[in-house]
């Protein structure tokens, strides 16, 4: 009985590892980390008053669009080199927007 349970457990474990291996290439840690950093930059800008609520909302909407694009690209189970390049370009554009909005003349009085 223990032998059968061990065989079943080994089989299930193998399929689980195989499933994670297949899912791995679609997730790019660099893309995920960059999205997190940009979210933090927006939050910091809101808290410091460098971003107005309207500016922060637009920047958040841009981040949401990038995430939606990423999910759409990953829907087929692959994230191609061209798709990664497009996401990087979108993130570069968003990063510039965050910088510009945080350093413009519009600010909120934070007390």
PDB file of N, CA and C in Angstrom:
ATOM      1  N   UNK A   1       0.828  -1.203   0.000  1.00  0.00           N
ATOM      2  CA  UNK A   1       0.000   0.000   0.000  1.00  0.00           C
ATOM      3  C   UNK A   1       0.869   1.262   0.000  1.00  0.00           C
ATOM      4  N   UNK A   2       1.910   1.262   0.840  1.00  0.00           N
ATOM      5  CA  UNK A   2       2.802   2.419   0.890  1.00  0.00           C
ATOM      6  C   UNK A   2       3.522   2.620  -0.437  1.00  0.00           C
ATOM      7  N   UNK A   3       3.832   1.500  -1.093  1.00  0.00           N
ATOM      8  CA  UNK A   3       4.527   1.558  -2.368  1.00  0.00           C
ATOM      9  C   UNK A   3       3.644   2.225  -3.424  1.00  0.00           C
ATOM     10  N   UNK A   4       2.376   1.892  -3.444  1.00  0.00           N
ATOM     11  CA  UNK A   4       1.433   2.480  -4.393  1.00  0.00           C
ATOM     12  C   UNK A   4       1.271   3.976  -4.126  1.00  0.00           C
ATOM     13  N   UNK A   5       1.151   4.324  -2.867  1.00  0.00           N
ATOM     14  CA  UNK A   5       1.015   5.741  -2.507  1.00  0.00           C
ATOM     15  C   UNK A   5       2.247   6.520  -2.933  1.00  0.00           C
ATOM     16  N   UNK A   6       3.434   5.944  -2.761  1.00  0.00           N
ATOM     17  CA  UNK A   6       4.680   6.605  -3.158  1.00  0.00           C
ATOM     18  C   UNK A   6       4.741   6.801  -4.665  1.00  0.00           C
ATOM     19  N   UNK A   7       4.281   5.800  -5.416  1.00  0.00           N
ATOM     20  CA  UNK A   7       4.277   5.892  -6.880  1.00  0.00           C
ATOM     21  C   UNK A   7       3.307   6.974  -7.340  1.00  0.00           C
ATOM     22  N   UNK A   8       2.142   7.008  -6.729  1.00  0.00           N
ATOM     23  CA  UNK A   8       1.146   8.033  -7.084  1.00  0.00           C
ATOM     24  C   UNK A   8       1.675   9.420  -6.752  1.00  0.00           C
ATOM     25  N   UNK A   9       2.269   9.580  -5.585  1.00  0.00           N
ATOM     26  CA  UNK A   9       2.826  10.868  -5.169  1.00  0.00           C
ATOM     27  C   UNK A   9       3.931  11.313  -6.119  1.00  0.00           C
ATOM     28  N   UNK A  10       4.784  10.380  -6.529  1.00  0.00           N
ATOM     29  CA  UNK A  10       5.861  10.696  -7.465  1.00  0.00           C
ATOM     30  C   UNK A  10       5.289  11.153  -8.809  1.00  0.00           C
ATOM     31  N   UNK A  11       4.239  10.471  -9.256  1.00  0.00           N
ATOM     32  CA  UNK A  11       3.612  10.845 -10.519  1.00  0.00           C
ATOM     33  C   UNK A  11       2.983  12.224 -10.470  1.00  0.00           C
ATOM     34  N   UNK A  12       2.278  12.494  -9.399  1.00  0.00           N
ATOM     35  CA  UNK A  12       1.641  13.809  -9.233  1.00  0.00           C
ATOM     36  C   UNK A  12       2.707  14.896  -9.162  1.00  0.00           C
ATOM     37  N   UNK A  13       3.769  14.636  -8.430  1.00  0.00           N
ATOM     38  CA  UNK A  13       4.857  15.608  -8.302  1.00  0.00           C
ATOM     39  C   UNK A  13       5.493  15.900  -9.656  1.00  0.00           C
ATOM     40  N   UNK A  14       5.683  14.850 -10.441  1.00  0.00           N
ATOM     41  CA  UNK A  14       6.277  15.022 -11.769  1.00  0.00           C
ATOM     42  C   UNK A  14       5.402  15.912 -12.640  1.00  0.00           C
ATOM     43  N   UNK A  15       4.103  15.668 -12.636  1.00  0.00           N
ATOM     44  CA  UNK A  15       3.202  16.499 -13.434  1.00  0.00           C
ATOM     45  C   UNK A  15       3.171  17.940 -12.937  1.00  0.00           C
ATOM     46  N   UNK A  16       3.237  18.138 -11.632  1.00  0.00           N
ATOM     47  CA  UNK A  16       3.238  19.489 -11.071  1.00  0.00           C
ATOM     48  C   UNK A  16       4.492  20.246 -11.501  1.00  0.00           C
ATOM     49  N   UNK A  17       5.645  19.602 -11.409  1.00  0.00           N
ATOM     50  CA  UNK A  17       6.897  20.237 -11.815  1.00  0.00           C
ATOM     51  C   UNK A  17       6.869  20.528 -13.309  1.00  0.00           C
ATOM     52  N   UNK A  18       6.372  19.599 -14.088  1.00  0.00           N
ATOM     53  CA  UNK A  18       6.282  19.787 -15.537  1.00  0.00           C
ATOM     54  C   UNK A  18       5.372  20.963 -15.869  1.00  0.00           C
ATOM     55  N   UNK A  19       4.264  21.066 -15.158  1.00  0.00           N
ATOM     56  CA  UNK A  19       3.337  22.177 -15.377  1.00  0.00           C
ATOM     57  C   UNK A  19       3.970  23.517 -15.068  1.00  0.00           C
ATOM     58  N   UNK A  20       4.722  23.590 -13.975  1.00  0.00           N
ATOM     59  CA  UNK A  20       5.412  24.834 -13.632  1.00  0.00           C
ATOM     60  C   UNK A  20       6.484  25.158 -14.658  1.00  0.00           C
ATOM     61  N   UNK A  21       7.154  24.146 -15.166  1.00  0.00           N
ATOM     62  CA  UNK A  21       8.185  24.367 -16.181  1.00  0.00           C
ATOM     63  C   UNK A  21       7.575  24.945 -17.452  1.00  0.00           C
ATOM     64  N   UNK A  22       6.399  24.467 -17.819  1.00  0.00           N
ATOM     65  CA  UNK A  22       5.733  25.007 -19.002  1.00  0.00           C
ATOM     66  C   UNK A  22       5.273  26.432 -18.786  1.00  0.00           C
ATOM     67  N   UNK A  23       4.833  26.757 -17.595  1.00  0.00           N
ATOM     68  CA  UNK A  23       4.324  28.097 -17.301  1.00  0.00           C
ATOM     69  C   UNK A  23       5.451  29.101 -17.154  1.00  0.00           C
ATOM     70  N   UNK A  24       6.629  28.657 -16.789  1.00  0.00           N
ATOM     71  CA  UNK A  24       7.754  29.539 -16.491  1.00  0.00           C
ATOM     72  C   UNK A  24       8.135  30.517 -17.587  1.00  0.00           C
ATOM     73  N   UNK A  25       8.338  30.061 -18.836  1.00  0.00           N
ATOM     74  CA  UNK A  25       8.818  30.966 -19.867  1.00  0.00           C
ATOM     75  C   UNK A  25       7.887  32.140 -20.160  1.00  0.00           C
ATOM     76  N   UNK A  26       6.609  32.022 -19.829  1.00  0.00           N
ATOM     77  CA  UNK A  26       5.694  33.129 -20.118  1.00  0.00           C
ATOM     78  C   UNK A  26       5.857  34.258 -19.110  1.00  0.00           C
ATOM     79  N   UNK A  27       6.387  33.957 -17.935  1.00  0.00           N
ATOM     80  CA  UNK A  27       6.587  34.997 -16.935  1.00  0.00           C
ATOM     81  C   UNK A  27       8.014  35.512 -17.021  1.00  0.00           C
ATOM     82  N   UNK A  28       8.151  36.787 -17.239  1.00  0.00           N
ATOM     83  CA  UNK A  28       9.469  37.402 -17.304  1.00  0.00           C
ATOM     84  C   UNK A  28       9.677  38.181 -16.019  1.00  0.00           C
ATOM     85  N   UNK A  29      10.596  37.738 -15.167  1.00  0.00           N
ATOM     86  CA  UNK A  29      10.819  38.418 -13.883  1.00  0.00           C
ATOM     87  C   UNK A  29      11.193  39.888 -14.037  1.00  0.00           C
ATOM     88  N   UNK A  30      11.890  40.221 -15.114  1.00  0.00           N
ATOM     89  CA  UNK A  30      12.272  41.627 -15.337  1.00  0.00           C
ATOM     90  C   UNK A  30      11.034  42.490 -15.563  1.00  0.00           C
ATOM     91  N   UNK A  31      10.098  41.968 -16.333  1.00  0.00           N
ATOM     92  CA  UNK A  31       8.865  42.707 -16.605  1.00  0.00           C
ATOM     93  C   UNK A  31       8.074  42.879 -15.316  1.00  0.00           C
ATOM     94  N   UNK A  32       7.954  41.804 -14.539  1.00  0.00           N
ATOM     95  CA  UNK A  32       7.204  41.863 -13.284  1.00  0.00           C
ATOM     96  C   UNK A  32       7.835  42.858 -12.321  1.00  0.00           C
ATOM     97  N   UNK A  33       9.152  42.819 -12.176  1.00  0.00           N
ATOM     98  CA  UNK A  33       9.858  43.709 -11.252  1.00  0.00           C
ATOM     99  C   UNK A  33       9.700  45.168 -11.692  1.00  0.00           C
ATOM    100  N   UNK A  34       9.767  45.386 -12.979  1.00  0.00           N
ATOM    101  CA  UNK A  34       9.639  46.751 -13.490  1.00  0.00           C
ATOM    102  C   UNK A  34       8.240  47.299 -13.222  1.00  0.00           C
ATOM    103  N   UNK A  35       7.228  46.466 -13.420  1.00  0.00           N
ATOM    104  CA  UNK A  35       5.855  46.895 -13.137  1.00  0.00           C
ATOM    105  C   UNK A  35       5.705  47.264 -11.669  1.00  0.00           C
ATOM    106  N   UNK A  36       6.280  46.454 -10.790  1.00  0.00           N
ATOM    107  CA  UNK A  36       6.211  46.729  -9.353  1.00  0.00           C
ATOM    108  C   UNK A  36       6.919  48.043  -9.017  1.00  0.00           C
ATOM    109  N   UNK A  37       8.092  48.267  -9.598  1.00  0.00           N
ATOM    110  CA  UNK A  37       8.834  49.498  -9.335  1.00  0.00           C
ATOM    111  C   UNK A  37       8.055  50.728  -9.794  1.00  0.00           C
ATOM    112  N   UNK A  38       7.424  50.635 -10.948  1.00  0.00           N
ATOM    113  CA  UNK A  38       6.672  51.774 -11.459  1.00  0.00           C
ATOM    114  C   UNK A  38       5.435  52.039 -10.609  1.00  0.00           C
ATOM    115  N   UNK A  39       4.808  50.981 -10.110  1.00  0.00           N
ATOM    116  CA  UNK A  39       3.673  51.163  -9.198  1.00  0.00           C
ATOM    117  C   UNK A  39       4.131  51.891  -7.928  1.00  0.00           C
ATOM    118  N   UNK A  40       5.292  51.495  -7.413  1.00  0.00           N
ATOM    119  CA  UNK A  40       5.841  52.142  -6.209  1.00  0.00           C
ATOM    120  C   UNK A  40       6.149  53.606  -6.473  1.00  0.00           C
ATOM    121  N   UNK A  41       6.680  53.910  -7.643  1.00  0.00           N
ATOM    122  CA  UNK A  41       6.996  55.299  -7.987  1.00  0.00           C
ATOM    123  C   UNK A  41       5.728  56.152  -8.024  1.00  0.00           C
ATOM    124  N   UNK A  42       4.648  55.588  -8.561  1.00  0.00           N
ATOM    125  CA  UNK A  42       3.380  56.316  -8.617  1.00  0.00           C
ATOM    126  C   UNK A  42       2.846  56.538  -7.202  1.00  0.00           C
ATOM    127  N   UNK A  43       2.865  55.498  -6.383  1.00  0.00           N
ATOM    128  CA  UNK A  43       2.394  55.622  -4.997  1.00  0.00           C
ATOM    129  C   UNK A  43       3.214  56.647  -4.227  1.00  0.00           C
ATOM    130  N   UNK A  44       4.524  56.624  -4.408  1.00  0.00           N
ATOM    131  CA  UNK A  44       5.397  57.579  -3.720  1.00  0.00           C
ATOM    132  C   UNK A  44       5.070  58.996  -4.166  1.00  0.00           C
ATOM    133  N   UNK A  45       4.805  59.168  -5.456  1.00  0.00           N
ATOM    134  CA  UNK A  45       4.455  60.489  -5.978  1.00  0.00           C
ATOM    135  C   UNK A  45       3.146  61.011  -5.412  1.00  0.00           C
ATOM    136  N   UNK A  46       2.185  60.103  -5.227  1.00  0.00           N
ATOM    137  CA  UNK A  46       0.908  60.488  -4.618  1.00  0.00           C
ATOM    138  C   UNK A  46       1.118  60.912  -3.164  1.00  0.00           C
ATOM    139  N   UNK A  47       1.871  60.108  -2.432  1.00  0.00           N
ATOM    140  CA  UNK A  47       2.088  60.374  -1.009  1.00  0.00           C
ATOM    141  C   UNK A  47       2.869  61.660  -0.778  1.00  0.00           C
ATOM    142  N   UNK A  48       3.832  61.940  -1.650  1.00  0.00           N
ATOM    143  CA  UNK A  48       4.655  63.137  -1.462  1.00  0.00           C
ATOM    144  C   UNK A  48       3.977  64.398  -1.983  1.00  0.00           C
ATOM    145  N   UNK A  49       2.922  64.227  -2.771  1.00  0.00           N
ATOM    146  CA  UNK A  49       2.237  65.380  -3.339  1.00  0.00           C
ATOM    147  C   UNK A  49       2.792  65.785  -4.696  1.00  0.00           C
ATOM    148  N   UNK A  50       3.764  65.039  -5.216  1.00  0.00           N
ATOM    149  CA  UNK A  50       4.318  65.348  -6.525  1.00  0.00           C
ATOM    150  C   UNK A  50       3.314  65.051  -7.643  1.00  0.00           C
ATOM    151  N   UNK A  51       2.396  64.153  -7.375  1.00  0.00           N
ATOM    152  CA  UNK A  51       1.376  63.797  -8.360  1.00  0.00           C
ATOM    153  C   UNK A  51       0.003  64.201  -7.845  1.00  0.00           C
ATOM    154  N   UNK A  52      -0.774  64.816  -8.718  1.00  0.00           N
ATOM    155  CA  UNK A  52      -2.162  65.097  -8.371  1.00  0.00           C
ATOM    156  C   UNK A  52      -2.952  63.796  -8.512  1.00  0.00           C
ATOM    157  N   UNK A  53      -4.134  63.711  -7.916  1.00  0.00           N
ATOM    158  CA  UNK A  53      -4.941  62.494  -8.088  1.00  0.00           C
ATOM    159  C   UNK A  53      -5.249  62.187  -9.557  1.00  0.00           C
ATOM    160  N   UNK A  54      -5.458  63.221 -10.336  1.00  0.00           N
ATOM    161  CA  UNK A  54      -5.753  63.028 -11.752  1.00  0.00           C
ATOM    162  C   UNK A  54      -4.539  62.448 -12.484  1.00  0.00           C
ATOM    163  N   UNK A  55      -3.350  62.993 -12.198  1.00  0.00           N
ATOM    164  CA  UNK A  55      -2.127  62.476 -12.819  1.00  0.00           C
ATOM    165  C   UNK A  55      -1.888  61.020 -12.417  1.00  0.00           C
ATOM    166  N   UNK A  56      -2.037  60.747 -11.131  1.00  0.00           N
ATOM    167  CA  UNK A  56      -1.825  59.381 -10.632  1.00  0.00           C
ATOM    168  C   UNK A  56      -2.815  58.415 -11.281  1.00  0.00           C
ATOM    169  N   UNK A  57      -4.047  58.846 -11.438  1.00  0.00           N
ATOM    170  CA  UNK A  57      -5.056  58.001 -12.071  1.00  0.00           C
ATOM    171  C   UNK A  57      -4.699  57.653 -13.509  1.00  0.00           C
ATOM    172  N   UNK A  58      -4.208  58.642 -14.226  1.00  0.00           N
ATOM    173  CA  UNK A  58      -3.812  58.394 -15.621  1.00  0.00           C
ATOM    174  C   UNK A  58      -2.609  57.456 -15.699  1.00  0.00           C
ATOM    175  N   UNK A  59      -1.649  57.642 -14.793  1.00  0.00           N
ATOM    176  CA  UNK A  59      -0.477  56.768 -14.767  1.00  0.00           C
ATOM    177  C   UNK A  59      -0.869  55.344 -14.388  1.00  0.00           C
ATOM    178  N   UNK A  60      -1.792  55.217 -13.453  1.00  0.00           N
ATOM    179  CA  UNK A  60      -2.285  53.888 -13.058  1.00  0.00           C
ATOM    180  C   UNK A  60      -3.016  53.219 -14.228  1.00  0.00           C
ATOM    181  N   UNK A  61      -3.775  54.002 -14.963  1.00  0.00           N
ATOM    182  CA  UNK A  61      -4.490  53.459 -16.127  1.00  0.00           C
ATOM    183  C   UNK A  61      -3.495  52.966 -17.182  1.00  0.00           C
ATOM    184  N   UNK A  62      -2.406  53.690 -17.350  1.00  0.00           N
ATOM    185  CA  UNK A  62      -1.375  53.273 -18.292  1.00  0.00           C
ATOM    186  C   UNK A  62      -0.745  51.949 -17.843  1.00  0.00           C
ATOM    187  N   UNK A  63      -0.499  51.812 -16.537  1.00  0.00           N
ATOM    188  CA  UNK A  63       0.054  50.562 -16.005  1.00  0.00           C
ATOM    189  C   UNK A  63      -0.925  49.410 -16.210  1.00  0.00           C
ATOM    190  N   UNK A  64      -2.197  49.683 -16.025  1.00  0.00           N
ATOM    191  CA  UNK A  64      -3.226  48.659 -16.224  1.00  0.00           C
ATOM    192  C   UNK A  64      -3.244  48.196 -17.678  1.00  0.00           C
ATOM    193  N   UNK A  65      -3.116  49.131 -18.605  1.00  0.00           N
ATOM    194  CA  UNK A  65      -3.093  48.778 -20.025  1.00  0.00           C
ATOM    195  C   UNK A  65      -1.890  47.899 -20.342  1.00  0.00           C
ATOM    196  N   UNK A  66      -0.744  48.215 -19.771  1.00  0.00           N
ATOM    197  CA  UNK A  66       0.459  47.407 -20.008  1.00  0.00           C
ATOM    198  C   UNK A  66       0.238  45.985 -19.485  1.00  0.00           C
ATOM    199  N   UNK A  67      -0.364  45.867 -18.297  1.00  0.00           N
ATOM    200  CA  UNK A  67      -0.650  44.548 -17.733  1.00  0.00           C
ATOM    201  C   UNK A  67      -1.628  43.771 -18.612  1.00  0.00           C
ATOM    202  N   UNK A  68      -2.631  44.456 -19.136  1.00  0.00           N
ATOM    203  CA  UNK A  68      -3.605  43.803 -20.024  1.00  0.00           C
ATOM    204  C   UNK A  68      -2.932  43.330 -21.307  1.00  0.00           C
ATOM    205  N   UNK A  69      -2.046  44.167 -21.853  1.00  0.00           N
ATOM    206  CA  UNK A  69      -1.302  43.780 -23.055  1.00  0.00           C
ATOM    207  C   UNK A  69      -0.456  42.546 -22.777  1.00  0.00           C
ATOM    208  N   UNK A  70       0.203  42.535 -21.625  1.00  0.00           N
ATOM    209  CA  UNK A  70       1.036  41.395 -21.250  1.00  0.00           C
ATOM    210  C   UNK A  70       0.201  40.116 -21.144  1.00  0.00           C
ATOM    211  N   UNK A  71      -0.943  40.207 -20.482  1.00  0.00           N
ATOM    212  CA  UNK A  71      -1.814  39.035 -20.340  1.00  0.00           C
ATOM    213  C   UNK A  71      -2.310  38.535 -21.697  1.00  0.00           C
ATOM    214  N   UNK A  72      -2.644  39.467 -22.572  1.00  0.00           N
ATOM    215  CA  UNK A  72      -3.097  39.089 -23.914  1.00  0.00           C
ATOM    216  C   UNK A  72      -1.972  38.382 -24.676  1.00  0.00           C
ATOM    217  N   UNK A  73      -0.748  38.901 -24.529  1.00  0.00           N
ATOM    218  CA  UNK A  73       0.396  38.299 -25.216  1.00  0.00           C
ATOM    219  C   UNK A  73       0.717  36.906 -24.665  1.00  0.00           C
ATOM    220  N   UNK A  74       0.482  36.712 -23.376  1.00  0.00           N
ATOM    221  CA  UNK A  74       0.778  35.431 -22.746  1.00  0.00           C
ATOM    222  C   UNK A  74      -0.345  34.413 -22.935  1.00  0.00           C
ATOM    223  N   UNK A  75      -1.453  34.804 -23.515  1.00  0.00           N
ATOM    224  CA  UNK A  75      -2.623  33.936 -23.634  1.00  0.00           C
ATOM    225  C   UNK A  75      -2.331  32.664 -24.422  1.00  0.00           C
ATOM    226  N   UNK A  76      -1.407  32.731 -25.365  1.00  0.00           N
ATOM    227  CA  UNK A  76      -1.088  31.540 -26.151  1.00  0.00           C
ATOM    228  C   UNK A  76      -0.024  30.664 -25.481  1.00  0.00           C
ATOM    229  N   UNK A  77       0.395  31.060 -24.288  1.00  0.00           N
ATOM    230  CA  UNK A  77       1.371  30.267 -23.545  1.00  0.00           C
ATOM    231  C   UNK A  77       2.806  30.640 -23.820  1.00  0.00           C
ATOM    232  N   UNK A  78       3.028  31.613 -24.689  1.00  0.00           N
ATOM    233  CA  UNK A  78       4.381  32.030 -25.032  1.00  0.00           C
ATOM    234  C   UNK A  78       4.479  33.546 -24.966  1.00  0.00           C
ATOM    235  N   UNK A  79       5.645  34.021 -24.613  1.00  0.00           N
ATOM    236  CA  UNK A  79       5.946  35.449 -24.670  1.00  0.00           C
ATOM    237  C   UNK A  79       7.170  35.554 -25.573  1.00  0.00           C
ATOM    238  N   UNK A  80       6.940  35.938 -26.822  1.00  0.00           N
ATOM    239  CA  UNK A  80       8.015  35.954 -27.810  1.00  0.00           C
ATOM    240  C   UNK A  80       8.962  37.120 -27.569  1.00  0.00           C
ATOM    241  N   UNK A  81      10.086  37.074 -28.255  1.00  0.00           N
ATOM    242  CA  UNK A  81      11.075  38.141 -28.149  1.00  0.00           C
ATOM    243  C   UNK A  81      10.470  39.481 -28.597  1.00  0.00           C
ATOM    244  N   UNK A  82       9.695  39.444 -29.656  1.00  0.00           N
ATOM    245  CA  UNK A  82       9.047  40.659 -30.163  1.00  0.00           C
ATOM    246  C   UNK A  82       8.038  41.206 -29.150  1.00  0.00           C
ATOM    247  N   UNK A  83       7.304  40.299 -28.491  1.00  0.00           N
ATOM    248  CA  UNK A  83       6.331  40.738 -27.485  1.00  0.00           C
ATOM    249  C   UNK A  83       7.042  41.342 -26.275  1.00  0.00           C
ATOM    250  N   UNK A  84       8.151  40.725 -25.866  1.00  0.00           N
ATOM    251  CA  UNK A  84       8.935  41.287 -24.755  1.00  0.00           C
ATOM    252  C   UNK A  84       9.440  42.682 -25.114  1.00  0.00           C
ATOM    253  N   UNK A  85       9.882  42.828 -26.359  1.00  0.00           N
ATOM    254  CA  UNK A  85      10.383  44.126 -26.819  1.00  0.00           C
ATOM    255  C   UNK A  85       9.277  45.188 -26.776  1.00  0.00           C
ATOM    256  N   UNK A  86       8.081  44.800 -27.202  1.00  0.00           N
ATOM    257  CA  UNK A  86       6.946  45.735 -27.180  1.00  0.00           C
ATOM    258  C   UNK A  86       6.598  46.135 -25.745  1.00  0.00           C
ATOM    259  N   UNK A  87       6.592  45.159 -24.829  1.00  0.00           N
ATOM    260  CA  UNK A  87       6.310  45.467 -23.420  1.00  0.00           C
ATOM    261  C   UNK A  87       7.375  46.394 -22.841  1.00  0.00           C
ATOM    262  N   UNK A  88       8.624  46.138 -23.193  1.00  0.00           N
ATOM    263  CA  UNK A  88       9.710  46.995 -22.698  1.00  0.00           C
ATOM    264  C   UNK A  88       9.538  48.423 -23.211  1.00  0.00           C
ATOM    265  N   UNK A  89       9.162  48.551 -24.474  1.00  0.00           N
ATOM    266  CA  UNK A  89       8.935  49.877 -25.063  1.00  0.00           C
ATOM    267  C   UNK A  89       7.781  50.593 -24.343  1.00  0.00           C
ATOM    268  N   UNK A  90       6.703  49.852 -24.063  1.00  0.00           N
ATOM    269  CA  UNK A  90       5.568  50.441 -23.334  1.00  0.00           C
ATOM    270  C   UNK A  90       5.994  50.872 -21.932  1.00  0.00           C
ATOM    271  N   UNK A  91       6.794  50.039 -21.278  1.00  0.00           N
ATOM    272  CA  UNK A  91       7.251  50.371 -19.929  1.00  0.00           C
ATOM    273  C   UNK A  91       8.191  51.571 -19.941  1.00  0.00           C
ATOM    274  N   UNK A  92       9.036  51.667 -20.958  1.00  0.00           N
ATOM    275  CA  UNK A  92       9.920  52.837 -21.075  1.00  0.00           C
ATOM    276  C   UNK A  92       9.099  54.110 -21.213  1.00  0.00           C
ATOM    277  N   UNK A  93       8.071  54.042 -22.040  1.00  0.00           N
ATOM    278  CA  UNK A  93       7.199  55.202 -22.247  1.00  0.00           C
ATOM    279  C   UNK A  93       6.492  55.571 -20.938  1.00  0.00           C
ATOM    280  N   UNK A  94       5.993  54.567 -20.231  1.00  0.00           N
ATOM    281  CA  UNK A  94       5.313  54.817 -18.955  1.00  0.00           C
ATOM    282  C   UNK A  94       6.276  55.409 -17.928  1.00  0.00           C
ATOM    283  N   UNK A  95       7.512  54.911 -17.912  1.00  0.00           N
ATOM    284  CA  UNK A  95       8.503  55.416 -16.971  1.00  0.00           C
ATOM    285  C   UNK A  95       8.780  56.905 -17.217  1.00  0.00           C
ATOM    286  N   UNK A  96       8.899  57.272 -18.484  1.00  0.00           N
ATOM    287  CA  UNK A  96       9.116  58.681 -18.832  1.00  0.00           C
ATOM    288  C   UNK A  96       7.919  59.532 -18.398  1.00  0.00           C
ATOM    289  N   UNK A  97       6.714  58.993 -18.588  1.00  0.00           N
ATOM    290  CA  UNK A  97       5.515  59.718 -18.166  1.00  0.00           C
ATOM    291  C   UNK A  97       5.503  59.928 -16.649  1.00  0.00           C
ATOM    292  N   UNK A  98       5.883  58.897 -15.905  1.00  0.00           N
ATOM    293  CA  UNK A  98       5.926  59.024 -14.443  1.00  0.00           C
ATOM    294  C   UNK A  98       6.911  60.112 -14.065  1.00  0.00           C
ATOM    295  N   UNK A  99       8.091  60.107 -14.659  1.00  0.00           N
ATOM    296  CA  UNK A  99       9.101  61.122 -14.352  1.00  0.00           C
ATOM    297  C   UNK A  99       8.577  62.523 -14.667  1.00  0.00           C
ATOM    298  N   UNK A 100       8.028  62.679 -15.868  1.00  0.00           N
ATOM    299  CA  UNK A 100       7.531  64.006 -16.279  1.00  0.00           C
ATOM    300  C   UNK A 100       6.438  64.516 -15.339  1.00  0.00           C
ATOM    301  N   UNK A 101       5.499  63.644 -15.000  1.00  0.00           N
ATOM    302  CA  UNK A 101       4.392  64.064 -14.135  1.00  0.00           C
ATOM    303  C   UNK A 101       4.881  64.387 -12.720  1.00  0.00           C
ATOM    304  N   UNK A 102       5.863  63.646 -12.231  1.00  0.00           N
ATOM    305  CA  UNK A 102       6.372  63.896 -10.883  1.00  0.00           C
ATOM    306  C   UNK A 102       7.197  65.180 -10.811  1.00  0.00           C
ATOM    307  N   UNK A 103       7.717  65.619 -11.955  1.00  0.00           N
ATOM    308  CA  UNK A 103       8.601  66.784 -11.955  1.00  0.00           C
ATOM    309  C   UNK A 103       8.002  67.993 -12.660  1.00  0.00           C
ATOM    310  N   UNK A 104       6.699  67.990 -12.882  1.00  0.00           N
ATOM    311  CA  UNK A 104       6.078  69.161 -13.491  1.00  0.00           C
ATOM    312  C   UNK A 104       5.666  70.148 -12.389  1.00  0.00           C
ATOM    313  N   UNK A 105       5.029  71.204 -12.769  1.00  0.00           N
ATOM    314  CA  UNK A 105       4.665  72.255 -11.818  1.00  0.00           C
ATOM    315  C   UNK A 105       3.455  71.912 -10.956  1.00  0.00           C
ATOM    316  N   UNK A 106       2.663  70.930 -11.371  1.00  0.00           N
ATOM    317  CA  UNK A 106       1.458  70.584 -10.628  1.00  0.00           C
ATOM    318  C   UNK A 106       1.834  69.754  -9.406  1.00  0.00           C
ATOM    319  N   UNK A 107       1.373  70.190  -8.259  1.00  0.00           N
ATOM    320  CA  UNK A 107       1.618  69.436  -7.024  1.00  0.00           C
ATOM    321  C   UNK A 107       0.382  69.508  -6.166  1.00  0.00           C
ATOM    322  N   UNK A 108       0.326  68.620  -5.192  1.00  0.00           N
ATOM    323  CA  UNK A 108      -0.755  68.627  -4.207  1.00  0.00           C
ATOM    324  C   UNK A 108      -0.155  69.079  -2.882  1.00  0.00           C
ATOM    325  N   UNK A 109      -0.917  69.843  -2.132  1.00  0.00           N
ATOM    326  CA  UNK A 109      -0.475  70.208  -0.782  1.00  0.00           C
ATOM    327  C   UNK A 109      -0.708  69.021   0.138  1.00  0.00           C
ATOM    328  N   UNK A 110       0.373  68.451   0.617  1.00  0.00           N
ATOM    329  CA  UNK A 110       0.285  67.297   1.524  1.00  0.00           C
ATOM    330  C   UNK A 110       0.608  67.783   2.909  1.00  0.00           C
ATOM    331  N   UNK A 111      -0.278  67.487   3.851  1.00  0.00           N
ATOM    332  CA  UNK A 111      -0.063  67.922   5.240  1.00  0.00           C
ATOM    333  C   UNK A 111       0.046  66.757   6.151  1.00  0.00           C
TER     334      UNK A 111
END
